[in-house]
């Protein structure tokens, strides 16, 4: 009996591969799949992470390649979804339960003894191509889950179309005889997206012809235009994923790790995009701002009129971006003060 993959599965898988590629640019490497260290493979793709009580499936696990002072190595447990709609609270609730148990994985069983596994600071990160509802973002933030939305990310819009086209072609034309064939096929797709692997490209061409490879080339070519991928944290601990077609310049950080950034809002018809520039430069780093992180909180200029998760109080407070960039194999931790003005383009 021929097996075919669902359209939402294919889109989400290709989207996950794109996220993995961008995480690699941000200094994160896939964790080693080793059951003795609490990670084991799962079905066609993904893996399971050992929690205190049981194993939990996630799309991927990534370890930050630089050491962070006074904390265990940072490990991201990642979920990525490309649905037609925004993700809601039910998706966050399920992930919350997984992460709560994974974070307690340093304890073993009912006797609460220390586990022999290497310990990590485990952070749950949920990527969504079409974003999240406001309630889902607030729920995630309140329980330590980071949400990364690309709903208003102009650099991801061409990838949105390319992923959708490739997934539709595969769903309509490709079938498999057994799950092992699915595993091999998805592995080749992943290698092509995350590493532009020539061997994977040749295997796909020989098996499925030039049309699929042309569709996959659209994805890899768009990814190559993204020169910079930064996971930025503000002083409220919120992750912002900033992308740019420009390379990050460290020329103005020769003798300091501190700088200034300017927040811009760019209007394109009815759509509005956020990006920041650094030290009054011209390079644009686009990001999607969570719904609860209004412009006033983002800029640190005044308290929100409504009660929020991040109430600033009545006084003004400085807003800060912190990020890590690699310069000739050396990791640099930078601190950017945010100017208290929103620039409208």
C-alpha atoms as a PDB file:
ATOM      1  CA  UNK A   1       0.000   0.000   0.000  1.00  0.00           C
ATOM      2  CA  UNK A   2       1.405   3.366  -1.051  1.00  0.00           C
ATOM      3  CA  UNK A   3       1.987   5.911   1.705  1.00  0.00           C
ATOM      4  CA  UNK A   4       1.832   9.672   1.153  1.00  0.00           C
ATOM      5  CA  UNK A   5       2.559  12.495   3.553  1.00  0.00           C
ATOM      6  CA  UNK A   6       0.033  15.110   4.580  1.00  0.00           C
ATOM      7  CA  UNK A   7       0.518  18.628   3.268  1.00  0.00           C
ATOM      8  CA  UNK A   8       0.783  20.169   6.745  1.00  0.00           C
ATOM      9  CA  UNK A   9       3.439  17.578   7.687  1.00  0.00           C
ATOM     10  CA  UNK A  10       5.557  18.402   4.664  1.00  0.00           C
ATOM     11  CA  UNK A  11       5.275  22.147   5.122  1.00  0.00           C
ATOM     12  CA  UNK A  12       6.109  21.940   8.817  1.00  0.00           C
ATOM     13  CA  UNK A  13       9.080  19.652   8.142  1.00  0.00           C
ATOM     14  CA  UNK A  14      10.566  21.909   5.464  1.00  0.00           C
ATOM     15  CA  UNK A  15       9.942  24.899   7.727  1.00  0.00           C
ATOM     16  CA  UNK A  16      11.751  23.120  10.568  1.00  0.00           C
ATOM     17  CA  UNK A  17      14.733  22.520   8.258  1.00  0.00           C
ATOM     18  CA  UNK A  18      14.781  26.239   7.446  1.00  0.00           C
ATOM     19  CA  UNK A  19      14.706  27.046  11.178  1.00  0.00           C
ATOM     20  CA  UNK A  20      17.588  24.607  11.738  1.00  0.00           C
ATOM     21  CA  UNK A  21      19.628  26.340   9.025  1.00  0.00           C
ATOM     22  CA  UNK A  22      19.013  29.736  10.631  1.00  0.00           C
ATOM     23  CA  UNK A  23      19.808  28.416  14.113  1.00  0.00           C
ATOM     24  CA  UNK A  24      23.120  27.201  12.738  1.00  0.00           C
ATOM     25  CA  UNK A  25      23.887  30.763  11.640  1.00  0.00           C
ATOM     26  CA  UNK A  26      23.041  31.869  15.188  1.00  0.00           C
ATOM     27  CA  UNK A  27      25.600  29.608  16.859  1.00  0.00           C
ATOM     28  CA  UNK A  28      23.435  26.561  17.653  1.00  0.00           C
ATOM     29  CA  UNK A  29      24.415  23.017  16.665  1.00  0.00           C
ATOM     30  CA  UNK A  30      22.179  19.910  16.639  1.00  0.00           C
ATOM     31  CA  UNK A  31      22.524  17.934  19.851  1.00  0.00           C
ATOM     32  CA  UNK A  32      24.064  14.473  19.623  1.00  0.00           C
ATOM     33  CA  UNK A  33      21.399  11.776  19.499  1.00  0.00           C
ATOM     34  CA  UNK A  34      22.446   9.489  22.338  1.00  0.00           C
ATOM     35  CA  UNK A  35      20.004   7.681  24.601  1.00  0.00           C
ATOM     36  CA  UNK A  36      22.568   7.549  27.398  1.00  0.00           C
ATOM     37  CA  UNK A  37      22.541  11.346  27.394  1.00  0.00           C
ATOM     38  CA  UNK A  38      18.752  11.594  27.318  1.00  0.00           C
ATOM     39  CA  UNK A  39      18.018  11.987  23.567  1.00  0.00           C
ATOM     40  CA  UNK A  40      16.855   9.270  21.183  1.00  0.00           C
ATOM     41  CA  UNK A  41      15.529   9.252  17.571  1.00  0.00           C
ATOM     42  CA  UNK A  42      11.812   9.212  16.848  1.00  0.00           C
ATOM     43  CA  UNK A  43       9.999   7.801  13.814  1.00  0.00           C
ATOM     44  CA  UNK A  44      10.683   9.471  10.443  1.00  0.00           C
ATOM     45  CA  UNK A  45      12.177  12.607  11.954  1.00  0.00           C
ATOM     46  CA  UNK A  46      12.459  14.410  15.257  1.00  0.00           C
ATOM     47  CA  UNK A  47      13.651  13.011  18.558  1.00  0.00           C
ATOM     48  CA  UNK A  48      12.609  12.315  22.125  1.00  0.00           C
ATOM     49  CA  UNK A  49      14.090  14.018  25.175  1.00  0.00           C
ATOM     50  CA  UNK A  50      14.131  12.353  28.574  1.00  0.00           C
ATOM     51  CA  UNK A  51      12.200  14.162  31.247  1.00  0.00           C
ATOM     52  CA  UNK A  52      11.886  13.260  34.908  1.00  0.00           C
ATOM     53  CA  UNK A  53       8.946  10.933  34.337  1.00  0.00           C
ATOM     54  CA  UNK A  54       8.988   9.982  30.649  1.00  0.00           C
ATOM     55  CA  UNK A  55      10.275  10.685  27.126  1.00  0.00           C
ATOM     56  CA  UNK A  56       8.868  13.654  25.157  1.00  0.00           C
ATOM     57  CA  UNK A  57       8.893  14.141  21.394  1.00  0.00           C
ATOM     58  CA  UNK A  58      10.171  17.412  19.920  1.00  0.00           C
ATOM     59  CA  UNK A  59      11.180  18.370  16.392  1.00  0.00           C
ATOM     60  CA  UNK A  60      14.803  19.062  17.299  1.00  0.00           C
ATOM     61  CA  UNK A  61      17.304  19.814  20.055  1.00  0.00           C
ATOM     62  CA  UNK A  62      20.109  22.356  19.625  1.00  0.00           C
ATOM     63  CA  UNK A  63      23.017  23.272  21.884  1.00  0.00           C
ATOM     64  CA  UNK A  64      24.587  26.729  21.959  1.00  0.00           C
ATOM     65  CA  UNK A  65      28.207  26.379  20.913  1.00  0.00           C
ATOM     66  CA  UNK A  66      29.532  29.112  23.238  1.00  0.00           C
ATOM     67  CA  UNK A  67      29.788  28.888  27.011  1.00  0.00           C
ATOM     68  CA  UNK A  68      27.639  31.219  29.094  1.00  0.00           C
ATOM     69  CA  UNK A  69      29.075  32.294  32.473  1.00  0.00           C
ATOM     70  CA  UNK A  70      27.436  31.001  35.665  1.00  0.00           C
ATOM     71  CA  UNK A  71      24.955  28.710  33.919  1.00  0.00           C
ATOM     72  CA  UNK A  72      24.761  25.243  32.437  1.00  0.00           C
ATOM     73  CA  UNK A  73      25.085  24.918  28.639  1.00  0.00           C
ATOM     74  CA  UNK A  74      22.038  26.340  26.853  1.00  0.00           C
ATOM     75  CA  UNK A  75      19.951  23.750  25.017  1.00  0.00           C
ATOM     76  CA  UNK A  76      16.933  24.587  22.876  1.00  0.00           C
ATOM     77  CA  UNK A  77      14.065  22.120  22.555  1.00  0.00           C
ATOM     78  CA  UNK A  78      12.384  23.206  19.329  1.00  0.00           C
ATOM     79  CA  UNK A  79       8.961  22.789  17.766  1.00  0.00           C
ATOM     80  CA  UNK A  80       8.211  24.281  14.321  1.00  0.00           C
ATOM     81  CA  UNK A  81       4.808  24.484  12.629  1.00  0.00           C
ATOM     82  CA  UNK A  82       3.665  25.811   9.266  1.00  0.00           C
ATOM     83  CA  UNK A  83      -0.123  25.806   9.500  1.00  0.00           C
ATOM     84  CA  UNK A  84      -2.636  27.914   7.556  1.00  0.00           C
ATOM     85  CA  UNK A  85      -3.596  29.710  10.759  1.00  0.00           C
ATOM     86  CA  UNK A  86      -2.041  31.164  13.858  1.00  0.00           C
ATOM     87  CA  UNK A  87      -1.149  28.701  16.587  1.00  0.00           C
ATOM     88  CA  UNK A  88      -3.376  28.855  19.656  1.00  0.00           C
ATOM     89  CA  UNK A  89      -3.217  28.096  23.356  1.00  0.00           C
ATOM     90  CA  UNK A  90      -3.650  24.337  22.907  1.00  0.00           C
ATOM     91  CA  UNK A  91      -0.302  24.077  21.106  1.00  0.00           C
ATOM     92  CA  UNK A  92       1.405  26.015  23.891  1.00  0.00           C
ATOM     93  CA  UNK A  93      -0.222  23.990  26.675  1.00  0.00           C
ATOM     94  CA  UNK A  94       1.046  20.726  25.197  1.00  0.00           C
ATOM     95  CA  UNK A  95       4.570  22.109  24.848  1.00  0.00           C
ATOM     96  CA  UNK A  96       4.469  23.558  28.376  1.00  0.00           C
ATOM     97  CA  UNK A  97       3.811  20.108  29.805  1.00  0.00           C
ATOM     98  CA  UNK A  98       6.734  18.609  27.904  1.00  0.00           C
ATOM     99  CA  UNK A  99       9.152  21.344  28.936  1.00  0.00           C
ATOM    100  CA  UNK A 100       8.151  21.226  32.595  1.00  0.00           C
ATOM    101  CA  UNK A 101       9.080  17.543  32.750  1.00  0.00           C
ATOM    102  CA  UNK A 102      12.245  17.967  30.629  1.00  0.00           C
ATOM    103  CA  UNK A 103      13.492  20.768  32.881  1.00  0.00           C
ATOM    104  CA  UNK A 104      13.189  18.427  35.850  1.00  0.00           C
ATOM    105  CA  UNK A 105      15.115  15.714  34.022  1.00  0.00           C
ATOM    106  CA  UNK A 106      18.098  16.260  36.314  1.00  0.00           C
ATOM    107  CA  UNK A 107      16.077  14.271  38.875  1.00  0.00           C
ATOM    108  CA  UNK A 108      15.510  10.556  38.404  1.00  0.00           C
ATOM    109  CA  UNK A 109      12.234   8.863  39.216  1.00  0.00           C
ATOM    110  CA  UNK A 110      10.086   9.058  42.312  1.00  0.00           C
ATOM    111  CA  UNK A 111      13.078   9.052  44.666  1.00  0.00           C
ATOM    112  CA  UNK A 112      14.196  12.404  43.180  1.00  0.00           C
ATOM    113  CA  UNK A 113      17.842  11.400  42.987  1.00  0.00           C
ATOM    114  CA  UNK A 114      20.189  13.339  40.726  1.00  0.00           C
ATOM    115  CA  UNK A 115      20.394  12.015  37.175  1.00  0.00           C
ATOM    116  CA  UNK A 116      23.768  10.942  35.756  1.00  0.00           C
ATOM    117  CA  UNK A 117      22.999  12.736  32.473  1.00  0.00           C
ATOM    118  CA  UNK A 118      24.895  15.894  31.567  1.00  0.00           C
ATOM    119  CA  UNK A 119      22.885  18.871  32.776  1.00  0.00           C
ATOM    120  CA  UNK A 120      21.627  21.677  30.527  1.00  0.00           C
ATOM    121  CA  UNK A 121      19.627  24.844  30.834  1.00  0.00           C
ATOM    122  CA  UNK A 122      16.682  23.670  28.731  1.00  0.00           C
ATOM    123  CA  UNK A 123      14.716  26.342  26.882  1.00  0.00           C
ATOM    124  CA  UNK A 124      11.557  25.583  24.921  1.00  0.00           C
ATOM    125  CA  UNK A 125      11.243  27.533  21.651  1.00  0.00           C
ATOM    126  CA  UNK A 126       8.202  27.358  19.374  1.00  0.00           C
ATOM    127  CA  UNK A 127       8.594  28.591  15.772  1.00  0.00           C
ATOM    128  CA  UNK A 128       5.496  29.411  13.728  1.00  0.00           C
ATOM    129  CA  UNK A 129       5.435  30.594  10.121  1.00  0.00           C
ATOM    130  CA  UNK A 130       1.993  32.183  10.531  1.00  0.00           C
ATOM    131  CA  UNK A 131       2.465  33.395  14.096  1.00  0.00           C
ATOM    132  CA  UNK A 132       0.461  32.902  17.284  1.00  0.00           C
ATOM    133  CA  UNK A 133      -2.715  34.250  18.782  1.00  0.00           C
ATOM    134  CA  UNK A 134      -2.162  36.955  21.398  1.00  0.00           C
ATOM    135  CA  UNK A 135      -3.454  34.577  24.101  1.00  0.00           C
ATOM    136  CA  UNK A 136      -0.973  31.886  23.050  1.00  0.00           C
ATOM    137  CA  UNK A 137       1.954  34.315  23.170  1.00  0.00           C
ATOM    138  CA  UNK A 138       0.967  35.571  26.600  1.00  0.00           C
ATOM    139  CA  UNK A 139       0.496  32.034  27.945  1.00  0.00           C
ATOM    140  CA  UNK A 140       3.889  30.978  26.596  1.00  0.00           C
ATOM    141  CA  UNK A 141       5.664  34.032  28.044  1.00  0.00           C
ATOM    142  CA  UNK A 142       4.086  33.490  31.453  1.00  0.00           C
ATOM    143  CA  UNK A 143       5.441  29.916  31.570  1.00  0.00           C
ATOM    144  CA  UNK A 144       8.915  30.425  30.150  1.00  0.00           C
ATOM    145  CA  UNK A 145       8.238  29.264  26.574  1.00  0.00           C
ATOM    146  CA  UNK A 146       9.735  31.435  23.834  1.00  0.00           C
ATOM    147  CA  UNK A 147       7.623  32.019  20.718  1.00  0.00           C
ATOM    148  CA  UNK A 148       9.230  33.006  17.413  1.00  0.00           C
ATOM    149  CA  UNK A 149       6.738  34.258  14.829  1.00  0.00           C
ATOM    150  CA  UNK A 150       7.437  34.995  11.167  1.00  0.00           C
ATOM    151  CA  UNK A 151       3.990  36.439  10.483  1.00  0.00           C
ATOM    152  CA  UNK A 152       5.474  39.898   9.853  1.00  0.00           C
ATOM    153  CA  UNK A 153       8.968  38.972   8.711  1.00  0.00           C
ATOM    154  CA  UNK A 154       9.577  40.178   5.124  1.00  0.00           C
ATOM    155  CA  UNK A 155      12.683  38.033   4.631  1.00  0.00           C
ATOM    156  CA  UNK A 156      10.617  34.893   5.268  1.00  0.00           C
ATOM    157  CA  UNK A 157       7.829  35.737   2.811  1.00  0.00           C
ATOM    158  CA  UNK A 158       9.660  34.304  -0.259  1.00  0.00           C
ATOM    159  CA  UNK A 159      10.452  31.190   1.772  1.00  0.00           C
ATOM    160  CA  UNK A 160       6.770  30.910   2.709  1.00  0.00           C
ATOM    161  CA  UNK A 161       5.869  30.572  -0.963  1.00  0.00           C
ATOM    162  CA  UNK A 162       8.793  28.288  -1.812  1.00  0.00           C
ATOM    163  CA  UNK A 163       8.042  25.885   1.056  1.00  0.00           C
ATOM    164  CA  UNK A 164       4.339  25.798   0.168  1.00  0.00           C
ATOM    165  CA  UNK A 165       5.091  25.050  -3.517  1.00  0.00           C
ATOM    166  CA  UNK A 166       7.602  22.282  -2.735  1.00  0.00           C
ATOM    167  CA  UNK A 167       5.319  20.650  -0.158  1.00  0.00           C
ATOM    168  CA  UNK A 168       2.370  20.694  -2.566  1.00  0.00           C
ATOM    169  CA  UNK A 169       4.432  19.061  -5.331  1.00  0.00           C
ATOM    170  CA  UNK A 170       5.677  16.313  -3.002  1.00  0.00           C
ATOM    171  CA  UNK A 171       2.217  15.647  -1.570  1.00  0.00           C
ATOM    172  CA  UNK A 172       0.689  15.272  -5.041  1.00  0.00           C
ATOM    173  CA  UNK A 173       3.439  13.237  -6.722  1.00  0.00           C
ATOM    174  CA  UNK A 174       5.504  11.288  -4.193  1.00  0.00           C
ATOM    175  CA  UNK A 175       4.448   8.102  -2.435  1.00  0.00           C
ATOM    176  CA  UNK A 176       6.392   5.597  -0.345  1.00  0.00           C
ATOM    177  CA  UNK A 177       6.264   1.836   0.097  1.00  0.00           C
ATOM    178  CA  UNK A 178       7.162   1.885   3.807  1.00  0.00           C
ATOM    179  CA  UNK A 179       8.217   4.216   6.653  1.00  0.00           C
ATOM    180  CA  UNK A 180      11.913   3.533   5.992  1.00  0.00           C
ATOM    181  CA  UNK A 181      11.600   5.163   2.570  1.00  0.00           C
ATOM    182  CA  UNK A 182      10.024   8.200   4.205  1.00  0.00           C
ATOM    183  CA  UNK A 183      12.931   8.450   6.648  1.00  0.00           C
ATOM    184  CA  UNK A 184      15.512   8.369   3.836  1.00  0.00           C
ATOM    185  CA  UNK A 185      13.598  10.912   1.754  1.00  0.00           C
ATOM    186  CA  UNK A 186      13.207  13.384   4.630  1.00  0.00           C
ATOM    187  CA  UNK A 187      16.878  12.974   5.519  1.00  0.00           C
ATOM    188  CA  UNK A 188      17.910  13.973   1.988  1.00  0.00           C
ATOM    189  CA  UNK A 189      15.581  16.993   2.056  1.00  0.00           C
ATOM    190  CA  UNK A 190      17.035  18.085   5.390  1.00  0.00           C
ATOM    191  CA  UNK A 191      20.631  17.808   4.205  1.00  0.00           C
ATOM    192  CA  UNK A 192      19.816  19.857   1.137  1.00  0.00           C
ATOM    193  CA  UNK A 193      18.135  22.658   3.118  1.00  0.00           C
ATOM    194  CA  UNK A 194      20.492  22.952   6.080  1.00  0.00           C
ATOM    195  CA  UNK A 195      23.779  22.409   4.224  1.00  0.00           C
ATOM    196  CA  UNK A 196      23.029  22.696   0.469  1.00  0.00           C
ATOM    197  CA  UNK A 197      24.475  19.181   0.258  1.00  0.00           C
ATOM    198  CA  UNK A 198      25.473  18.241  -3.313  1.00  0.00           C
ATOM    199  CA  UNK A 199      25.151  14.485  -2.664  1.00  0.00           C
ATOM    200  CA  UNK A 200      21.599  14.930  -1.353  1.00  0.00           C
ATOM    201  CA  UNK A 201      20.742  17.034  -4.399  1.00  0.00           C
ATOM    202  CA  UNK A 202      22.016  14.311  -6.732  1.00  0.00           C
ATOM    203  CA  UNK A 203      20.034  11.593  -4.941  1.00  0.00           C
ATOM    204  CA  UNK A 204      16.826  13.637  -5.210  1.00  0.00           C
ATOM    205  CA  UNK A 205      17.477  14.395  -8.885  1.00  0.00           C
ATOM    206  CA  UNK A 206      18.057  10.753  -9.761  1.00  0.00           C
ATOM    207  CA  UNK A 207      14.954   9.592  -7.913  1.00  0.00           C
ATOM    208  CA  UNK A 208      12.431  12.364  -8.570  1.00  0.00           C
ATOM    209  CA  UNK A 209      13.776  14.371 -11.480  1.00  0.00           C
ATOM    210  CA  UNK A 210      14.689  18.012 -11.984  1.00  0.00           C
ATOM    211  CA  UNK A 211      11.306  19.510 -11.058  1.00  0.00           C
ATOM    212  CA  UNK A 212      11.573  18.704  -7.353  1.00  0.00           C
ATOM    213  CA  UNK A 213      15.184  19.857  -7.271  1.00  0.00           C
ATOM    214  CA  UNK A 214      14.200  23.159  -8.883  1.00  0.00           C
ATOM    215  CA  UNK A 215      11.572  23.692  -6.181  1.00  0.00           C
ATOM    216  CA  UNK A 216      14.089  22.865  -3.463  1.00  0.00           C
ATOM    217  CA  UNK A 217      16.615  25.207  -5.074  1.00  0.00           C
ATOM    218  CA  UNK A 218      14.156  28.041  -4.548  1.00  0.00           C
ATOM    219  CA  UNK A 219      14.287  27.358  -0.809  1.00  0.00           C
ATOM    220  CA  UNK A 220      18.074  27.043  -0.612  1.00  0.00           C
ATOM    221  CA  UNK A 221      18.637  30.091  -2.832  1.00  0.00           C
ATOM    222  CA  UNK A 222      16.382  32.237  -0.636  1.00  0.00           C
ATOM    223  CA  UNK A 223      18.209  31.009   2.455  1.00  0.00           C
ATOM    224  CA  UNK A 224      21.528  32.037   0.933  1.00  0.00           C
ATOM    225  CA  UNK A 225      20.306  35.642   0.683  1.00  0.00           C
ATOM    226  CA  UNK A 226      19.969  35.778   4.493  1.00  0.00           C
ATOM    227  CA  UNK A 227      23.440  36.748   5.665  1.00  0.00           C
ATOM    228  CA  UNK A 228      22.685  37.308   9.350  1.00  0.00           C
ATOM    229  CA  UNK A 229      20.523  35.362  11.818  1.00  0.00           C
ATOM    230  CA  UNK A 230      20.527  36.678  15.392  1.00  0.00           C
ATOM    231  CA  UNK A 231      18.658  35.440  18.446  1.00  0.00           C
ATOM    232  CA  UNK A 232      18.323  38.657  20.420  1.00  0.00           C
ATOM    233  CA  UNK A 233      17.067  38.887  24.010  1.00  0.00           C
ATOM    234  CA  UNK A 234      15.703  42.065  25.502  1.00  0.00           C
ATOM    235  CA  UNK A 235      15.988  42.942  29.183  1.00  0.00           C
ATOM    236  CA  UNK A 236      12.648  41.199  29.871  1.00  0.00           C
ATOM    237  CA  UNK A 237      14.095  37.894  28.632  1.00  0.00           C
ATOM    238  CA  UNK A 238      12.032  37.835  25.422  1.00  0.00           C
ATOM    239  CA  UNK A 239      13.611  36.230  22.346  1.00  0.00           C
ATOM    240  CA  UNK A 240      13.508  38.147  19.061  1.00  0.00           C
ATOM    241  CA  UNK A 241      14.803  36.471  15.906  1.00  0.00           C
ATOM    242  CA  UNK A 242      16.399  39.126  13.730  1.00  0.00           C
ATOM    243  CA  UNK A 243      17.261  38.414  10.076  1.00  0.00           C
ATOM    244  CA  UNK A 244      19.161  40.509   7.576  1.00  0.00           C
ATOM    245  CA  UNK A 245      20.411  40.308   4.007  1.00  0.00           C
ATOM    246  CA  UNK A 246      23.470  42.200   5.211  1.00  0.00           C
ATOM    247  CA  UNK A 247      26.406  40.719   7.067  1.00  0.00           C
ATOM    248  CA  UNK A 248      26.754  41.849  10.669  1.00  0.00           C
ATOM    249  CA  UNK A 249      29.513  44.438  10.939  1.00  0.00           C
ATOM    250  CA  UNK A 250      31.744  44.445  14.003  1.00  0.00           C
ATOM    251  CA  UNK A 251      33.720  47.439  12.797  1.00  0.00           C
ATOM    252  CA  UNK A 252      32.132  49.749  15.374  1.00  0.00           C
ATOM    253  CA  UNK A 253      32.760  47.229  18.195  1.00  0.00           C
ATOM    254  CA  UNK A 254      36.534  47.085  17.923  1.00  0.00           C
ATOM    255  CA  UNK A 255      37.120  48.440  21.425  1.00  0.00           C
ATOM    256  CA  UNK A 256      33.750  47.975  23.104  1.00  0.00           C
ATOM    257  CA  UNK A 257      30.942  45.436  23.477  1.00  0.00           C
ATOM    258  CA  UNK A 258      28.285  48.143  23.855  1.00  0.00           C
ATOM    259  CA  UNK A 259      26.367  50.148  21.267  1.00  0.00           C
ATOM    260  CA  UNK A 260      23.063  51.776  20.410  1.00  0.00           C
ATOM    261  CA  UNK A 261      20.257  50.492  18.205  1.00  0.00           C
ATOM    262  CA  UNK A 262      17.350  52.283  16.606  1.00  0.00           C
ATOM    263  CA  UNK A 263      13.919  50.636  16.195  1.00  0.00           C
ATOM    264  CA  UNK A 264      12.107  51.294  12.910  1.00  0.00           C
ATOM    265  CA  UNK A 265       8.625  50.512  11.639  1.00  0.00           C
ATOM    266  CA  UNK A 266       8.424  50.058   7.889  1.00  0.00           C
ATOM    267  CA  UNK A 267       5.020  50.391   6.216  1.00  0.00           C
ATOM    268  CA  UNK A 268       4.286  48.445   3.030  1.00  0.00           C
ATOM    269  CA  UNK A 269       0.658  48.966   2.186  1.00  0.00           C
ATOM    270  CA  UNK A 270      -1.339  47.550   5.094  1.00  0.00           C
ATOM    271  CA  UNK A 271       1.567  45.547   6.457  1.00  0.00           C
ATOM    272  CA  UNK A 272       3.972  46.851   9.065  1.00  0.00           C
ATOM    273  CA  UNK A 273       7.414  45.429   9.732  1.00  0.00           C
ATOM    274  CA  UNK A 274       9.854  46.069  12.561  1.00  0.00           C
ATOM    275  CA  UNK A 275      13.594  46.229  12.139  1.00  0.00           C
ATOM    276  CA  UNK A 276      16.510  47.737  14.003  1.00  0.00           C
ATOM    277  CA  UNK A 277      19.710  49.423  12.904  1.00  0.00           C
ATOM    278  CA  UNK A 278      22.908  49.597  14.946  1.00  0.00           C
ATOM    279  CA  UNK A 279      24.909  52.723  15.773  1.00  0.00           C
ATOM    280  CA  UNK A 280      22.947  54.728  13.162  1.00  0.00           C
ATOM    281  CA  UNK A 281      24.061  52.322  10.434  1.00  0.00           C
ATOM    282  CA  UNK A 282      22.155  51.360   7.291  1.00  0.00           C
ATOM    283  CA  UNK A 283      21.981  47.598   7.783  1.00  0.00           C
ATOM    284  CA  UNK A 284      18.439  46.404   8.592  1.00  0.00           C
ATOM    285  CA  UNK A 285      17.740  43.537  11.003  1.00  0.00           C
ATOM    286  CA  UNK A 286      14.071  42.544  10.692  1.00  0.00           C
ATOM    287  CA  UNK A 287      12.163  40.860  13.517  1.00  0.00           C
ATOM    288  CA  UNK A 288       8.569  40.080  14.503  1.00  0.00           C
ATOM    289  CA  UNK A 289       7.514  41.649  17.767  1.00  0.00           C
ATOM    290  CA  UNK A 290       5.253  39.589  20.098  1.00  0.00           C
ATOM    291  CA  UNK A 291       1.822  41.105  20.645  1.00  0.00           C
ATOM    292  CA  UNK A 292       2.442  41.671  24.362  1.00  0.00           C
ATOM    293  CA  UNK A 293       5.665  43.552  23.644  1.00  0.00           C
ATOM    294  CA  UNK A 294       4.189  46.878  22.516  1.00  0.00           C
ATOM    295  CA  UNK A 295       6.304  49.648  21.048  1.00  0.00           C
ATOM    296  CA  UNK A 296       6.358  51.474  24.376  1.00  0.00           C
ATOM    297  CA  UNK A 297       7.763  48.448  26.205  1.00  0.00           C
ATOM    298  CA  UNK A 298      10.124  47.653  23.336  1.00  0.00           C
ATOM    299  CA  UNK A 299      11.521  51.186  23.433  1.00  0.00           C
ATOM    300  CA  UNK A 300      11.367  51.531  27.214  1.00  0.00           C
ATOM    301  CA  UNK A 301       9.840  55.016  26.948  1.00  0.00           C
ATOM    302  CA  UNK A 302       6.671  54.803  29.045  1.00  0.00           C
ATOM    303  CA  UNK A 303       4.384  52.383  30.795  1.00  0.00           C
ATOM    304  CA  UNK A 304       1.627  50.701  28.843  1.00  0.00           C
ATOM    305  CA  UNK A 305      -1.875  51.975  29.502  1.00  0.00           C
ATOM    306  CA  UNK A 306      -3.030  48.372  29.831  1.00  0.00           C
ATOM    307  CA  UNK A 307      -1.895  45.757  32.297  1.00  0.00           C
ATOM    308  CA  UNK A 308       0.658  43.470  30.657  1.00  0.00           C
ATOM    309  CA  UNK A 309       2.988  40.641  31.529  1.00  0.00           C
ATOM    310  CA  UNK A 310       5.857  43.089  31.533  1.00  0.00           C
ATOM    311  CA  UNK A 311       4.525  46.068  33.479  1.00  0.00           C
ATOM    312  CA  UNK A 312       7.160  48.783  33.572  1.00  0.00           C
ATOM    313  CA  UNK A 313       5.517  50.811  36.301  1.00  0.00           C
ATOM    314  CA  UNK A 314       5.262  54.582  36.074  1.00  0.00           C
ATOM    315  CA  UNK A 315       8.913  55.442  35.572  1.00  0.00           C
ATOM    316  CA  UNK A 316      10.915  55.277  32.385  1.00  0.00           C
ATOM    317  CA  UNK A 317      13.261  52.334  32.078  1.00  0.00           C
ATOM    318  CA  UNK A 318      16.089  51.588  29.721  1.00  0.00           C
ATOM    319  CA  UNK A 319      15.444  48.993  27.031  1.00  0.00           C
ATOM    320  CA  UNK A 320      18.375  46.790  26.091  1.00  0.00           C
ATOM    321  CA  UNK A 321      19.079  44.174  23.401  1.00  0.00           C
ATOM    322  CA  UNK A 322      21.668  41.490  24.081  1.00  0.00           C
ATOM    323  CA  UNK A 323      23.068  39.289  21.351  1.00  0.00           C
ATOM    324  CA  UNK A 324      25.954  37.015  20.495  1.00  0.00           C
ATOM    325  CA  UNK A 325      27.796  37.167  17.165  1.00  0.00           C
ATOM    326  CA  UNK A 326      30.737  35.187  15.838  1.00  0.00           C
ATOM    327  CA  UNK A 327      33.810  37.013  14.584  1.00  0.00           C
ATOM    328  CA  UNK A 328      36.547  34.864  13.026  1.00  0.00           C
ATOM    329  CA  UNK A 329      35.679  31.951  15.287  1.00  0.00           C
ATOM    330  CA  UNK A 330      35.376  34.111  18.416  1.00  0.00           C
ATOM    331  CA  UNK A 331      32.007  34.672  20.079  1.00  0.00           C
ATOM    332  CA  UNK A 332      31.260  38.280  20.977  1.00  0.00           C
ATOM    333  CA  UNK A 333      28.537  39.188  23.460  1.00  0.00           C
ATOM    334  CA  UNK A 334      27.128  42.629  22.637  1.00  0.00           C
ATOM    335  CA  UNK A 335      24.817  44.903  24.601  1.00  0.00           C
ATOM    336  CA  UNK A 336      22.768  47.445  22.648  1.00  0.00           C
ATOM    337  CA  UNK A 337      20.883  50.240  24.340  1.00  0.00           C
ATOM    338  CA  UNK A 338      17.600  50.954  22.537  1.00  0.00           C
ATOM    339  CA  UNK A 339      16.899  54.553  21.587  1.00  0.00           C
ATOM    340  CA  UNK A 340      13.619  55.747  23.042  1.00  0.00           C
ATOM    341  CA  UNK A 341      12.142  56.694  19.685  1.00  0.00           C
ATOM    342  CA  UNK A 342      10.290  54.717  17.028  1.00  0.00           C
ATOM    343  CA  UNK A 343      11.352  55.669  13.537  1.00  0.00           C
ATOM    344  CA  UNK A 344       8.562  55.438  10.926  1.00  0.00           C
ATOM    345  CA  UNK A 345       9.598  54.681   7.347  1.00  0.00           C
END
